[in-house]
Each structure stands twice: as C-alpha cells, then as structure tokens.
C-alpha cells in the first residue's frame, strides 16, 4: 500500500471533518471565540467537508480496489475523527489552520499519487 496514498486519504478525511465541525456553531465558537458563528459560510463548509470526504472515498477505492478501499477509507475516517476531537480539545486556536493545511496536503498528495500510479 502506498504511503502517499494513505496519507492523502487520511488528510482529506481530516480536512473534511474539520470543515464539517467548523460549520457547527459550538465548534466555531471554540475556534474563533464566543459569539462567532459560521454565518453565510455554513453551507460552503458543509459542502466542502462532504466533498473532501467523497474525495477520500474515491481515492481509496480508485487506488486500493473495491474490497481493500472500503476498509482503508473506514480506517482513515476513524483516525481522522479521533484527530479532529483531539485538535478541538487541545488546540482549538490552530484548528482552522490545520484543517486548511490538511486540505492542501491532501489535494497535492492525491495529485502526485495519480501522476505516479
């Protein structure tokens, strides 16, 4: 199994969960301070998070096949969910920057994996 592929699937899942959690009022207040809500960005964060989770599913199915791909995707979802909870608990001020960096790394890694596969 390609380490670049697994890292890309994990970071895409992490970025998706970060976007979905920032779309919620509670987590948005934890990250940006009391009284701040996602407002008009809520729908875009929800769509972006869902799209990143679909990208991670598509990548795991494309590069690992239909049997192993589902297992890879569910494992990366589990690890990304645990990482998201940890980040929200212990580093809420850096949470949005980590989510943005994870999205950039995931898309770059998937592009490189597609080029060299």
C-alpha atoms as a PDB file:
ATOM      1  CA  UNK A   1       0.000   0.000   0.000  1.00  0.00           C
ATOM      2  CA  UNK A   2       1.365   3.349  -0.988  1.00  0.00           C
ATOM      3  CA  UNK A   3       2.218   5.597   1.984  1.00  0.00           C
ATOM      4  CA  UNK A   4       1.466   8.708  -0.063  1.00  0.00           C
ATOM      5  CA  UNK A   5      -1.980   7.387  -0.861  1.00  0.00           C
ATOM      6  CA  UNK A   6      -2.775   6.516   2.741  1.00  0.00           C
ATOM      7  CA  UNK A   7      -1.549   9.920   3.919  1.00  0.00           C
ATOM      8  CA  UNK A   8      -3.642  11.656   1.282  1.00  0.00           C
ATOM      9  CA  UNK A   9      -6.781   9.708   2.176  1.00  0.00           C
ATOM     10  CA  UNK A  10      -6.230  10.477   5.871  1.00  0.00           C
ATOM     11  CA  UNK A  11      -5.567  14.189   5.335  1.00  0.00           C
ATOM     12  CA  UNK A  12      -8.594  14.522   3.048  1.00  0.00           C
ATOM     13  CA  UNK A  13     -10.724  12.886   5.757  1.00  0.00           C
ATOM     14  CA  UNK A  14      -9.216  15.146   8.409  1.00  0.00           C
ATOM     15  CA  UNK A  15      -9.851  18.260   6.319  1.00  0.00           C
ATOM     16  CA  UNK A  16     -13.423  17.122   5.666  1.00  0.00           C
ATOM     17  CA  UNK A  17     -14.119  16.620   9.354  1.00  0.00           C
ATOM     18  CA  UNK A  18     -12.510  19.981  10.166  1.00  0.00           C
ATOM     19  CA  UNK A  19     -14.761  21.739   7.652  1.00  0.00           C
ATOM     20  CA  UNK A  20     -17.861  19.951   8.904  1.00  0.00           C
ATOM     21  CA  UNK A  21     -17.090  20.773  12.513  1.00  0.00           C
ATOM     22  CA  UNK A  22     -16.429  24.451  11.712  1.00  0.00           C
ATOM     23  CA  UNK A  23     -19.906  24.576  10.164  1.00  0.00           C
ATOM     24  CA  UNK A  24     -21.360  23.958  13.637  1.00  0.00           C
ATOM     25  CA  UNK A  25     -21.981  26.895  15.988  1.00  0.00           C
ATOM     26  CA  UNK A  26     -20.456  25.213  19.031  1.00  0.00           C
ATOM     27  CA  UNK A  27     -17.152  24.369  17.382  1.00  0.00           C
ATOM     28  CA  UNK A  28     -16.978  27.674  15.562  1.00  0.00           C
ATOM     29  CA  UNK A  29     -17.209  29.447  18.918  1.00  0.00           C
ATOM     30  CA  UNK A  30     -14.487  27.198  20.326  1.00  0.00           C
ATOM     31  CA  UNK A  31     -12.151  28.062  17.463  1.00  0.00           C
ATOM     32  CA  UNK A  32     -12.926  31.736  16.782  1.00  0.00           C
ATOM     33  CA  UNK A  33     -14.226  32.911  20.154  1.00  0.00           C
ATOM     34  CA  UNK A  34     -17.571  33.466  21.813  1.00  0.00           C
ATOM     35  CA  UNK A  35     -20.337  34.871  19.649  1.00  0.00           C
ATOM     36  CA  UNK A  36     -18.836  33.942  16.300  1.00  0.00           C
ATOM     37  CA  UNK A  37     -20.897  31.698  14.055  1.00  0.00           C
ATOM     38  CA  UNK A  38     -20.164  30.430  10.553  1.00  0.00           C
ATOM     39  CA  UNK A  39     -22.989  32.588   9.163  1.00  0.00           C
ATOM     40  CA  UNK A  40     -23.042  32.589   5.364  1.00  0.00           C
ATOM     41  CA  UNK A  41     -20.040  30.213   5.264  1.00  0.00           C
ATOM     42  CA  UNK A  42     -22.021  27.387   6.880  1.00  0.00           C
ATOM     43  CA  UNK A  43     -23.325  25.931   3.603  1.00  0.00           C
ATOM     44  CA  UNK A  44     -19.902  26.199   1.925  1.00  0.00           C
ATOM     45  CA  UNK A  45     -18.200  24.481   4.861  1.00  0.00           C
ATOM     46  CA  UNK A  46     -20.769  21.685   4.785  1.00  0.00           C
ATOM     47  CA  UNK A  47     -20.396  21.198   1.029  1.00  0.00           C
ATOM     48  CA  UNK A  48     -16.609  21.361   1.218  1.00  0.00           C
ATOM     49  CA  UNK A  49     -16.465  18.873   4.079  1.00  0.00           C
ATOM     50  CA  UNK A  50     -18.751  16.439   2.295  1.00  0.00           C
ATOM     51  CA  UNK A  51     -16.764  16.859  -0.923  1.00  0.00           C
ATOM     52  CA  UNK A  52     -13.472  16.151   0.854  1.00  0.00           C
ATOM     53  CA  UNK A  53     -14.914  13.016   2.432  1.00  0.00           C
ATOM     54  CA  UNK A  54     -16.130  11.907  -1.010  1.00  0.00           C
ATOM     55  CA  UNK A  55     -12.680  12.639  -2.460  1.00  0.00           C
ATOM     56  CA  UNK A  56     -11.080  10.476   0.208  1.00  0.00           C
ATOM     57  CA  UNK A  57     -13.548   7.664  -0.548  1.00  0.00           C
ATOM     58  CA  UNK A  58     -12.958   7.937  -4.278  1.00  0.00           C
ATOM     59  CA  UNK A  59      -9.197   7.928  -3.834  1.00  0.00           C
ATOM     60  CA  UNK A  60      -9.198   4.908  -1.565  1.00  0.00           C
ATOM     61  CA  UNK A  61     -11.475   2.980  -3.932  1.00  0.00           C
ATOM     62  CA  UNK A  62      -9.546   4.021  -7.028  1.00  0.00           C
ATOM     63  CA  UNK A  63      -6.078   3.164  -5.793  1.00  0.00           C
ATOM     64  CA  UNK A  64      -6.785   0.210  -3.476  1.00  0.00           C
ATOM     65  CA  UNK A  65      -9.668  -1.553  -5.181  1.00  0.00           C
ATOM     66  CA  UNK A  66     -13.225  -2.099  -4.047  1.00  0.00           C
ATOM     67  CA  UNK A  67     -12.511  -4.560  -1.256  1.00  0.00           C
ATOM     68  CA  UNK A  68      -9.492  -3.014   0.440  1.00  0.00           C
ATOM     69  CA  UNK A  69     -10.548   0.542  -0.442  1.00  0.00           C
ATOM     70  CA  UNK A  70     -13.590   0.462   1.839  1.00  0.00           C
ATOM     71  CA  UNK A  71     -11.508  -0.817   4.738  1.00  0.00           C
ATOM     72  CA  UNK A  72      -8.854   1.831   4.099  1.00  0.00           C
ATOM     73  CA  UNK A  73     -11.489   4.561   3.964  1.00  0.00           C
ATOM     74  CA  UNK A  74     -13.259   3.469   7.158  1.00  0.00           C
ATOM     75  CA  UNK A  75      -9.936   3.237   8.972  1.00  0.00           C
ATOM     76  CA  UNK A  76      -8.908   6.697   7.830  1.00  0.00           C
ATOM     77  CA  UNK A  77     -12.314   8.080   8.845  1.00  0.00           C
ATOM     78  CA  UNK A  78     -11.847   6.646  12.314  1.00  0.00           C
ATOM     79  CA  UNK A  79      -8.337   8.040  12.683  1.00  0.00           C
ATOM     80  CA  UNK A  80      -9.375  11.441  11.310  1.00  0.00           C
ATOM     81  CA  UNK A  81     -12.363  11.637  13.664  1.00  0.00           C
ATOM     82  CA  UNK A  82     -10.134  10.904  16.669  1.00  0.00           C
ATOM     83  CA  UNK A  83      -7.628  13.510  15.459  1.00  0.00           C
ATOM     84  CA  UNK A  84     -10.401  16.071  14.983  1.00  0.00           C
ATOM     85  CA  UNK A  85     -11.659  15.544  18.528  1.00  0.00           C
ATOM     86  CA  UNK A  86      -8.130  15.864  19.855  1.00  0.00           C
ATOM     87  CA  UNK A  87      -7.466  19.034  17.902  1.00  0.00           C
ATOM     88  CA  UNK A  88     -10.724  20.622  19.039  1.00  0.00           C
ATOM     89  CA  UNK A  89      -9.910  19.737  22.634  1.00  0.00           C
ATOM     90  CA  UNK A  90      -6.236  20.654  22.837  1.00  0.00           C
ATOM     91  CA  UNK A  91      -5.521  23.127  20.009  1.00  0.00           C
ATOM     92  CA  UNK A  92      -8.743  24.981  19.149  1.00  0.00           C
ATOM     93  CA  UNK A  93      -6.970  28.204  18.091  1.00  0.00           C
ATOM     94  CA  UNK A  94      -4.887  26.369  15.497  1.00  0.00           C
ATOM     95  CA  UNK A  95      -7.734  24.132  14.346  1.00  0.00           C
ATOM     96  CA  UNK A  96      -8.748  26.030  11.207  1.00  0.00           C
ATOM     97  CA  UNK A  97      -5.133  26.399  10.055  1.00  0.00           C
ATOM     98  CA  UNK A  98      -4.530  22.679  10.496  1.00  0.00           C
ATOM     99  CA  UNK A  99      -7.709  21.900   8.547  1.00  0.00           C
ATOM    100  CA  UNK A 100      -6.676  24.215   5.717  1.00  0.00           C
ATOM    101  CA  UNK A 101      -3.182  22.706   5.602  1.00  0.00           C
ATOM    102  CA  UNK A 102      -4.650  19.187   5.620  1.00  0.00           C
ATOM    103  CA  UNK A 103      -6.843  20.038   2.619  1.00  0.00           C
ATOM    104  CA  UNK A 104      -3.884  21.442   0.686  1.00  0.00           C
ATOM    105  CA  UNK A 105      -1.662  18.457   1.524  1.00  0.00           C
ATOM    106  CA  UNK A 106      -4.432  16.000   0.620  1.00  0.00           C
ATOM    107  CA  UNK A 107      -5.098  17.515  -2.779  1.00  0.00           C
ATOM    108  CA  UNK A 108      -1.384  17.772  -3.564  1.00  0.00           C
ATOM    109  CA  UNK A 109      -0.783  14.192  -2.411  1.00  0.00           C
ATOM    110  CA  UNK A 110      -3.693  12.845  -4.457  1.00  0.00           C
ATOM    111  CA  UNK A 111      -2.421  14.695  -7.500  1.00  0.00           C
ATOM    112  CA  UNK A 112       1.058  13.211  -7.031  1.00  0.00           C
ATOM    113  CA  UNK A 113      -0.387   9.741  -6.414  1.00  0.00           C
ATOM    114  CA  UNK A 114      -2.441   9.998  -9.610  1.00  0.00           C
ATOM    115  CA  UNK A 115       0.587  11.104 -11.622  1.00  0.00           C
ATOM    116  CA  UNK A 116       2.875   8.339 -10.371  1.00  0.00           C
ATOM    117  CA  UNK A 117       0.349   5.483 -10.213  1.00  0.00           C
END
